[in-house]
Protein backbone atom coordinates (compact mmCIF):
# COMPACT_ATOMS: atom_id res chain seq x y z
CA MET A 1 147.32 88.59 23.73
CA ALA A 2 147.52 85.35 21.82
CA GLU A 3 143.86 84.63 22.39
CA SER A 4 142.85 88.01 20.97
CA LEU A 5 144.57 87.49 17.62
CA SER A 6 142.35 86.13 14.89
CA TYR A 7 143.09 82.97 12.89
CA THR A 8 145.15 83.25 9.74
CA THR A 9 146.06 80.73 7.08
CA SER A 10 149.38 79.00 7.55
CA PHE A 11 152.65 79.80 5.81
CA PHE A 12 151.94 77.19 3.14
CA THR A 13 148.39 78.09 2.17
CA PRO A 14 147.37 80.81 -0.28
CA ILE A 15 145.28 83.79 0.77
CA THR A 16 143.77 86.67 -1.13
CA THR A 17 146.29 88.96 -2.81
CA ILE A 18 146.74 92.35 -1.12
CA ALA A 19 147.46 95.28 -3.43
CA THR A 20 148.33 98.82 -2.32
CA THR A 21 148.74 101.92 -4.43
CA SER A 22 149.44 105.62 -4.04
CA ILE A 23 149.84 108.57 -6.39
CA ASN A 24 153.62 108.68 -6.07
CA ILE A 25 154.51 105.01 -5.72
CA PRO A 26 154.02 102.29 -8.37
CA ILE A 27 151.58 99.50 -7.61
CA ILE A 28 153.13 96.86 -5.39
CA THR A 29 151.36 93.53 -5.07
CA TYR A 30 152.16 91.18 -2.23
CA PHE A 31 151.50 87.45 -2.45
CA LYS A 32 151.51 84.55 -0.08
CA PRO A 33 154.12 81.97 -1.17
CA SER A 34 151.99 79.64 -3.28
CA ILE A 35 150.68 82.60 -5.30
CA ARG A 36 154.05 84.32 -5.68
CA ALA A 37 155.61 81.10 -6.89
CA LYS A 38 153.47 81.09 -10.04
CA LYS A 39 154.60 84.57 -11.05
CA SER A 40 158.21 84.69 -9.93
CA SER A 41 161.44 84.46 -11.88
CA LEU A 42 164.87 83.70 -10.48
CA ILE A 43 166.69 86.82 -9.28
CA VAL A 44 170.32 86.72 -8.19
CA CYS A 45 171.59 88.55 -5.13
CA SER A 46 173.69 90.94 -7.19
CA ARG A 47 170.53 92.74 -8.32
CA ARG A 48 170.28 94.90 -5.22
CA PRO A 49 167.73 97.68 -5.93
CA ASN A 50 168.82 101.30 -5.60
CA TYR A 51 168.16 102.60 -2.11
CA THR A 52 165.21 104.85 -1.34
CA PRO A 53 164.30 105.04 2.36
CA ASN A 54 160.55 104.49 1.99
CA HIS A 55 160.38 102.38 -1.16
CA ILE A 56 161.87 99.24 -2.70
CA PRO A 57 161.51 99.18 -6.51
CA ASP A 58 161.45 95.37 -6.60
CA PRO A 59 158.71 93.97 -4.29
CA ASN A 60 160.55 90.64 -4.10
CA TYR A 61 163.62 92.19 -2.49
CA ILE A 62 163.93 91.79 1.29
CA ARG A 63 166.08 94.33 3.14
CA ILE A 64 168.36 92.87 5.79
CA PHE A 65 168.63 95.01 8.91
CA ASP A 66 171.39 93.62 11.11
CA THR A 67 171.19 94.49 14.80
CA THR A 68 174.10 92.36 16.05
CA LEU A 69 175.96 95.46 17.23
CA ARG A 70 172.97 96.78 19.18
CA ASP A 71 170.42 94.13 20.19
CA GLY A 72 173.02 91.38 19.90
CA GLU A 73 175.38 93.25 22.21
CA GLN A 74 172.58 93.43 24.78
CA SER A 75 173.10 89.71 25.43
CA PRO A 76 174.55 89.42 28.96
CA GLY A 77 178.32 89.30 28.70
CA ALA A 78 178.45 90.19 25.00
CA SER A 79 179.67 93.79 25.24
CA MET A 80 182.34 94.85 22.73
CA THR A 81 184.91 97.62 22.44
CA PRO A 82 184.48 100.35 19.78
CA ASN A 83 187.29 98.77 17.74
CA GLU A 84 185.69 95.31 17.88
CA LYS A 85 182.36 96.77 16.78
CA LEU A 86 184.10 98.52 13.88
CA LYS A 87 185.70 95.26 12.74
CA ILE A 88 182.36 93.46 12.83
CA ALA A 89 180.70 96.35 10.95
CA ARG A 90 183.30 95.99 8.19
CA GLN A 91 182.51 92.29 7.96
CA LEU A 92 178.75 92.94 7.94
CA ALA A 93 179.31 95.27 4.99
CA LYS A 94 181.18 92.50 3.15
CA LEU A 95 178.33 90.15 4.00
CA GLY A 96 176.02 92.55 2.18
CA VAL A 97 173.57 93.64 4.85
CA ASP A 98 171.47 96.63 3.81
CA ILE A 99 171.30 98.36 7.19
CA ILE A 100 173.76 98.07 10.07
CA GLU A 101 172.33 99.10 13.43
CA ALA A 102 175.61 100.28 14.93
CA GLY A 103 174.41 100.90 18.47
CA PHE A 104 172.54 103.10 20.91
CA PRO A 105 174.47 106.42 21.00
CA ALA A 106 172.76 107.74 24.14
CA ALA A 107 173.87 104.71 26.16
CA SER A 108 177.47 105.78 26.86
CA VAL A 109 180.45 107.78 25.67
CA SER A 110 182.10 104.67 24.19
CA GLU A 111 178.89 103.86 22.33
CA VAL A 112 178.88 107.30 20.71
CA GLU A 113 182.50 106.71 19.72
CA ALA A 114 181.74 103.29 18.24
CA VAL A 115 178.75 104.48 16.21
CA LYS A 116 180.69 107.51 14.97
CA LEU A 117 183.64 105.34 13.87
CA ILE A 118 181.32 103.01 11.97
CA ALA A 119 179.43 105.91 10.37
CA GLN A 120 182.64 107.59 9.24
CA GLU A 121 184.31 104.50 7.79
CA VAL A 122 181.81 101.75 6.96
CA GLY A 123 179.05 104.25 6.22
CA ASN A 124 181.05 105.75 3.38
CA ALA A 125 183.02 102.81 1.96
CA THR A 126 181.92 100.89 -1.10
CA VAL A 127 181.94 97.13 -0.56
CA ASP A 128 184.77 95.73 -2.71
CA ASP A 129 183.04 92.68 -4.20
CA ASP A 130 179.60 94.24 -4.69
CA ILE A 131 179.01 95.01 -8.36
CA ASN A 132 176.46 97.69 -7.49
CA GLY A 133 178.84 99.72 -5.30
CA HIS A 134 176.79 99.05 -2.17
CA VAL A 135 177.30 101.36 0.81
CA PRO A 136 175.36 100.16 3.89
CA ILE A 137 172.91 102.39 5.72
CA ILE A 138 174.14 103.12 9.25
CA CYS A 139 171.43 103.20 11.91
CA GLY A 140 171.35 104.15 15.56
CA LEU A 141 168.70 103.46 18.18
CA SER A 142 166.97 106.30 20.02
CA ARG A 143 164.26 106.62 22.61
CA CYS A 144 161.62 109.25 22.00
CA ARG A 145 163.74 111.91 23.69
CA LYS A 146 165.30 114.98 22.12
CA GLU A 147 168.63 114.39 23.87
CA ASP A 148 168.79 110.84 22.44
CA ILE A 149 168.03 112.11 18.94
CA ASP A 150 170.68 114.81 19.22
CA LYS A 151 173.33 112.26 20.24
CA ALA A 152 172.25 109.94 17.45
CA TRP A 153 172.63 112.70 14.85
CA GLU A 154 175.99 113.74 16.27
CA ALA A 155 177.28 110.18 15.85
CA MET A 156 175.67 109.25 12.54
CA LYS A 157 175.69 112.45 10.50
CA TYR A 158 179.01 111.37 8.98
CA ALA A 159 177.45 108.37 7.19
CA LYS A 160 176.40 108.63 3.55
CA PHE A 161 173.01 107.16 4.48
CA PRO A 162 172.24 107.80 8.19
CA ARG A 163 169.08 106.33 9.70
CA ILE A 164 167.55 106.72 13.15
CA LEU A 165 165.41 104.06 14.77
CA LEU A 166 162.98 105.68 17.18
CA PHE A 167 160.84 103.43 19.32
CA ILE A 168 158.10 103.49 21.90
CA ALA A 169 156.08 100.76 23.63
CA THR A 170 152.39 100.41 22.75
CA SER A 171 151.11 97.48 24.82
CA GLU A 172 148.83 98.19 27.77
CA ILE A 173 151.25 96.62 30.24
CA HIS A 174 154.18 98.72 29.00
CA MET A 175 152.22 101.98 28.83
CA LYS A 176 150.78 101.49 32.31
CA TYR A 177 153.75 100.17 34.27
CA LYS A 178 156.86 101.27 32.36
CA LEU A 179 155.99 104.49 30.55
CA LYS A 180 153.15 105.58 32.84
CA MET A 181 151.57 107.28 29.83
CA THR A 182 148.12 107.26 28.26
CA LYS A 183 147.51 106.21 24.65
CA GLU A 184 147.09 109.83 23.67
CA GLU A 185 150.38 110.78 25.29
CA VAL A 186 152.19 107.94 23.54
CA ILE A 187 150.84 109.01 20.13
CA GLU A 188 151.77 112.64 20.75
CA LYS A 189 155.26 111.71 21.91
CA ALA A 190 155.82 109.48 18.90
CA THR A 191 154.72 112.00 16.29
CA SER A 192 156.54 114.95 17.86
CA MET A 193 159.82 113.02 18.07
CA VAL A 194 159.58 111.90 14.44
CA ALA A 195 159.13 115.55 13.49
CA TYR A 196 162.08 116.53 15.69
CA ALA A 197 164.31 113.87 14.12
CA ARG A 198 163.53 115.30 10.70
CA SER A 199 164.31 118.81 11.94
CA VAL A 200 167.82 117.89 13.07
CA GLY A 201 168.70 116.30 9.71
CA PHE A 202 167.40 112.73 9.49
CA ASN A 203 165.62 111.91 6.22
CA ASP A 204 165.56 108.17 6.88
CA ILE A 205 163.47 107.52 9.99
CA GLU A 206 162.34 104.13 11.19
CA PHE A 207 159.71 104.09 13.89
CA GLY A 208 159.45 100.88 15.92
CA LEU A 209 156.56 99.74 18.08
CA GLU A 210 157.89 97.86 21.08
CA ASP A 211 155.69 94.95 22.20
CA ALA A 212 153.42 95.51 19.19
CA THR A 213 152.22 91.91 19.26
CA ARG A 214 150.60 92.46 22.68
CA SER A 215 149.06 95.80 21.71
CA GLU A 216 145.51 96.72 20.71
CA ARG A 217 145.07 96.62 16.93
CA GLU A 218 143.24 99.96 16.71
CA LEU A 219 146.02 101.72 18.61
CA LEU A 220 148.60 100.24 16.24
CA TYR A 221 146.74 101.48 13.17
CA GLU A 222 146.33 104.94 14.68
CA ILE A 223 149.87 105.50 15.91
CA LEU A 224 151.40 104.11 12.73
CA GLY A 225 149.22 106.35 10.60
CA GLU A 226 150.28 109.37 12.64
CA VAL A 227 154.04 108.66 12.54
CA ILE A 228 153.81 108.08 8.78
CA LYS A 229 152.16 111.51 8.41
CA ALA A 230 154.91 112.98 10.61
CA GLY A 231 157.62 111.67 8.27
CA ALA A 232 158.56 108.08 9.19
CA THR A 233 159.91 106.14 6.21
CA THR A 234 159.94 102.66 7.76
CA ILE A 235 157.65 101.28 10.45
CA GLY A 236 158.82 98.41 12.66
CA ILE A 237 156.58 95.79 14.24
CA GLY A 238 158.19 94.15 17.26
CA ASP A 239 157.39 90.77 18.74
CA THR A 240 159.49 91.97 21.65
CA VAL A 241 158.89 89.04 23.97
CA GLY A 242 158.66 86.37 21.27
CA TYR A 243 155.07 85.50 22.15
CA CYS A 244 153.41 84.99 18.76
CA LEU A 245 152.76 81.86 16.78
CA PRO A 246 153.64 82.29 13.09
CA ARG A 247 150.00 82.39 11.96
CA GLU A 248 149.26 85.09 14.56
CA PHE A 249 152.21 87.19 13.50
CA GLY A 250 151.41 86.84 9.81
CA GLN A 251 147.84 87.95 10.45
CA LEU A 252 149.07 90.96 12.44
CA ILE A 253 151.24 92.12 9.53
CA ALA A 254 148.40 91.56 7.06
CA ASP A 255 145.99 93.52 9.28
CA ILE A 256 148.43 96.42 9.67
CA LYS A 257 148.94 96.59 5.91
CA ALA A 258 145.19 96.53 5.33
CA ASN A 259 144.16 99.08 7.96
CA THR A 260 146.94 101.64 8.45
CA PRO A 261 146.52 104.96 6.59
CA GLY A 262 149.53 105.69 4.37
CA ILE A 263 151.10 102.24 4.81
CA GLU A 264 151.75 102.04 1.07
CA ASN A 265 154.20 104.94 1.40
CA VAL A 266 156.58 103.21 3.84
CA ILE A 267 158.58 100.03 4.37
CA VAL A 268 157.14 97.48 6.81
CA ALA A 269 159.88 96.00 9.02
CA ILE A 270 159.63 93.14 11.51
CA HIS A 271 161.66 92.45 14.65
CA CYS A 272 161.14 89.00 16.20
CA HIS A 273 162.56 87.61 19.43
CA ASN A 274 163.09 83.94 20.13
CA ASP A 275 161.58 83.35 23.58
CA LEU A 276 159.48 80.44 22.29
CA GLY A 277 162.00 79.44 19.61
CA LEU A 278 159.83 80.92 16.83
CA ALA A 279 161.76 84.04 15.80
CA VAL A 280 162.82 82.70 12.40
CA ALA A 281 159.42 81.12 11.69
CA ASN A 282 157.65 84.37 12.60
CA THR A 283 160.05 86.36 10.43
CA LEU A 284 159.34 84.14 7.43
CA GLU A 285 155.60 84.40 8.03
CA GLY A 286 155.97 88.17 8.28
CA ILE A 287 157.62 88.52 4.88
CA SER A 288 155.03 86.16 3.40
CA SER A 289 152.39 88.63 4.61
CA GLY A 290 154.06 91.65 3.04
CA ALA A 291 156.88 92.85 5.28
CA THR A 292 159.97 93.79 3.24
CA GLN A 293 162.59 94.40 5.95
CA VAL A 294 163.72 91.85 8.54
CA ASP A 295 165.67 92.59 11.73
CA VAL A 296 168.20 89.84 12.41
CA THR A 297 171.46 89.12 14.24
CA ILE A 298 174.47 86.96 13.47
CA ASN A 299 174.18 83.61 15.30
CA GLY A 300 170.76 84.74 16.58
CA ILE A 301 172.26 86.51 19.61
CA GLY A 302 170.25 89.11 21.51
CA GLU A 303 168.22 89.84 24.62
CA ARG A 304 167.12 86.77 26.62
CA ALA A 305 166.69 83.91 24.09
CA GLY A 306 167.96 86.02 21.20
CA ASN A 307 166.69 87.35 17.89
CA ALA A 308 165.92 85.87 14.50
CA SER A 309 169.18 84.48 13.11
CA LEU A 310 170.46 86.19 9.95
CA GLU A 311 171.99 83.02 8.55
CA GLU A 312 168.82 80.98 9.12
CA VAL A 313 166.49 83.57 7.59
CA VAL A 314 168.74 84.25 4.60
CA MET A 315 169.48 80.61 3.79
CA THR A 316 165.80 79.68 4.13
CA ILE A 317 164.92 82.41 1.64
CA LYS A 318 167.65 81.12 -0.67
CA CYS A 319 166.72 77.43 -0.35
CA LYS A 320 162.95 77.98 -0.56
CA GLU A 321 162.98 80.75 -3.17
CA VAL A 322 160.33 79.16 -5.39
CA LEU A 323 157.88 78.50 -2.56
CA LEU A 324 158.48 82.04 -1.32
CA GLY A 325 157.62 83.39 -4.74
CA GLY A 326 161.03 84.68 -5.80
CA LEU A 327 161.97 86.57 -2.65
CA TYR A 328 165.69 87.31 -2.40
CA THR A 329 168.24 89.33 -0.43
CA GLY A 330 171.51 91.11 -1.16
CA ILE A 331 173.52 88.87 1.17
CA ASN A 332 176.75 87.33 -0.10
CA THR A 333 176.26 84.03 1.70
CA ARG A 334 179.89 82.96 1.26
CA HIS A 335 180.78 85.40 4.05
CA ILE A 336 178.40 83.80 6.58
CA VAL A 337 180.87 81.47 8.32
CA MET A 338 183.58 84.11 8.67
CA THR A 339 181.06 86.61 10.09
CA SER A 340 179.68 84.02 12.51
CA LYS A 341 183.13 83.15 13.82
CA MET A 342 184.08 86.81 14.24
CA VAL A 343 180.93 87.57 16.25
CA GLU A 344 181.48 84.43 18.35
CA GLU A 345 185.05 85.49 19.11
CA TYR A 346 184.38 89.15 19.94
CA THR A 347 181.20 88.61 21.98
CA GLY A 348 182.28 85.40 23.73
CA MET A 349 178.85 83.95 22.88
CA GLN A 350 179.66 80.39 21.79
CA VAL A 351 177.62 78.85 19.00
CA GLN A 352 175.93 75.60 20.01
CA PRO A 353 177.27 72.65 17.95
CA HIS A 354 173.85 71.79 16.49
CA LYS A 355 172.98 75.39 15.59
CA ALA A 356 171.46 75.53 12.10
CA ILE A 357 173.78 76.69 9.29
CA VAL A 358 176.84 77.67 11.38
CA GLY A 359 177.01 75.07 14.16
CA ALA A 360 180.03 72.75 14.19
CA ASN A 361 177.76 69.76 13.48
CA ALA A 362 175.65 71.40 10.76
CA PHE A 363 177.66 69.75 7.97
CA SER A 364 179.07 66.80 9.92
CA HIS A 365 177.97 63.15 9.60
CA GLU A 366 178.70 60.26 12.00
CA SER A 367 175.89 57.75 11.43
CA GLY A 368 176.88 54.92 9.07
CA ILE A 369 173.56 55.18 7.22
CA HIS A 370 174.09 58.89 6.59
CA GLN A 371 177.75 58.42 5.67
CA ASP A 372 176.77 55.79 3.10
CA GLY A 373 174.26 58.17 1.56
CA MET A 374 176.80 61.01 1.48
CA LEU A 375 179.32 58.80 -0.32
CA LYS A 376 176.75 58.05 -3.00
CA ASN A 377 175.29 61.53 -3.36
CA LYS A 378 175.79 64.48 -0.98
CA SER A 379 172.27 65.76 -1.57
CA THR A 380 170.92 62.73 0.30
CA TYR A 381 171.70 64.48 3.60
CA GLU A 382 172.74 68.05 2.76
CA ILE A 383 170.19 70.53 1.43
CA MET A 384 172.85 73.15 0.74
CA SER A 385 176.53 73.10 -0.07
CA PRO A 386 178.87 74.10 2.78
CA GLU A 387 180.75 76.21 0.24
CA ASP A 388 177.59 78.31 -0.18
CA ILE A 389 178.15 79.72 3.31
CA GLY A 390 181.94 79.89 3.06
CA LEU A 391 182.66 76.63 4.90
CA HIS A 392 185.57 74.62 3.55
CA ARG A 393 185.82 71.19 5.17
CA SER A 394 189.20 69.51 5.57
CA ASP A 395 187.26 66.28 5.01
CA GLU A 396 185.26 66.74 1.82
CA SER A 397 182.56 64.33 2.98
CA GLY A 398 182.15 65.93 6.40
CA PHE A 399 182.55 62.60 8.18
CA THR A 400 183.11 62.28 11.91
CA LEU A 401 184.16 58.75 12.89
CA GLY A 402 182.42 57.32 15.93
CA LYS A 403 180.69 54.21 17.20
CA LEU A 404 177.82 54.65 14.72
CA SER A 405 180.08 54.86 11.65
CA GLY A 406 180.18 52.06 9.06
CA ARG A 407 182.84 50.22 7.05
CA GLN A 408 182.61 52.48 4.03
CA ALA A 409 183.29 55.61 6.06
CA LEU A 410 186.29 53.93 7.70
CA LYS A 411 187.59 52.80 4.29
CA VAL A 412 187.28 56.34 2.90
CA LYS A 413 189.20 57.70 5.89
CA LEU A 414 191.92 55.05 5.44
CA ILE A 415 192.35 55.96 1.76
CA GLU A 416 192.48 59.63 2.74
CA LEU A 417 195.33 58.72 5.15
CA GLY A 418 197.18 56.73 2.47
CA HIS A 419 196.09 53.16 3.30
CA ASN A 420 194.08 51.21 0.73
CA ILE A 421 192.82 48.31 2.84
CA ASP A 422 190.08 45.90 1.78
CA GLY A 423 188.62 42.44 2.36
CA LYS A 424 189.35 40.50 5.55
CA GLU A 425 191.99 43.01 6.65
CA LEU A 426 189.42 45.83 6.48
CA ASN A 427 186.86 43.67 8.30
CA ASP A 428 189.30 42.91 11.14
CA LEU A 429 190.32 46.55 11.36
CA PHE A 430 186.69 47.65 11.40
CA TRP A 431 185.82 45.58 14.46
CA ARG A 432 188.90 46.83 16.31
CA PHE A 433 187.82 50.35 15.30
CA LYS A 434 184.34 49.67 16.74
CA SER A 435 185.88 48.51 20.01
CA VAL A 436 187.86 51.74 20.35
CA ALA A 437 184.84 53.83 19.31
CA GLU A 438 182.82 52.40 22.20
CA THR A 439 185.21 54.13 24.63
CA LYS A 440 185.84 57.41 22.76
CA LYS A 441 183.30 59.99 21.58
CA VAL A 442 185.30 60.92 18.48
CA ILE A 443 187.93 58.89 16.65
CA THR A 444 190.81 61.02 15.38
CA ASP A 445 193.14 60.43 12.42
CA ASP A 446 195.85 59.44 14.90
CA ASP A 447 193.54 56.80 16.37
CA VAL A 448 192.94 55.31 12.90
CA LEU A 449 196.67 55.30 12.09
CA ALA A 450 197.38 53.58 15.43
CA LEU A 451 194.89 50.84 14.53
CA VAL A 452 196.62 50.31 11.19
CA SER A 453 200.10 50.15 12.74
CA ASN A 454 198.90 47.57 15.28
């Protein structure tokens, strides 16, 4: 697959602007980052556009589709009870996600119950601190089967904005060995099930192509054009096995936008897995090529190596807004840490200490060189404020004392503990501190106080 994808310019280089128009939809122009940056203005997260399933009034707005409760729960050992899923859904609403994929109703009786609970409560409640009165869209996954669609509608019809995510595989290997269907049969199944979903009551229909990145381009253009004609409002492009390089994935999205009939009438969504550690990079390249919905999970959990991490995608968009040409989301980033901890607790999936944004070490500094820089100006080693993600450190500087720490960090800790020590006394204490640090990974406040008392 990788060899068959043509070369594309990298994330940081400009390409020709792509413009798409239709009779009913205003002109929307998509830019690569360096072009967008010249035309953009700062937009705050509170300016969430009004929701229309197949159209976003502001082309700079990126919809956040959170699949923690569905794809995230598919991580081995991460299953949750209906009540736990409801609690996380409430927190996702506070976080400001646009679409919550609540689950896969056809999977089990408890899954139907969980999705129904979320649709009834979270799918009708206005988020308290959202000035626009945001109510999240509640989505459920469905195979291209009538019985799946019926169960999805039964569970989600209570939501103010119910969405169904239908999917089918389009790669040769999946069609031949898993589905045992021809291309023609796959296209017919896809279009007929979109039509059936509309007939039961769904007006918001996302159609996802599983393993799209290993599929023939012409088949992608054809099947997407047909499901759009049948009534799909969002089309999803899946890098299901995380196989693409960013430049390959960006080119795929650009090609789909350039060659799919009716593409200007729908939202282009992307769903990237992390098998090669590139899910976030591919997601960013996808939005740079014109996708306006990203599928993500809290802490990056999901099948196998996981999905694109919500916190990493969102904070990259926030930190690199100018380079990305003014792209923004509706996420209230101050709820990130709380959401991360809740998902970690309920799923049992522990966050690695060096995980970007939410790892225990993400805002922690032990090296003396780094600690010295932090004391002089925090921006020397922190590109964002921990408060931006809702992290409040007991130690304002984020210092961890260890064998690599310097005198200044020790002095700051001593002052914090009520001991203003300087000169020869500090020097003697420092070398005794170093001796202890050689035998312990982390020096605690009690260890420092013991050194002082001795």
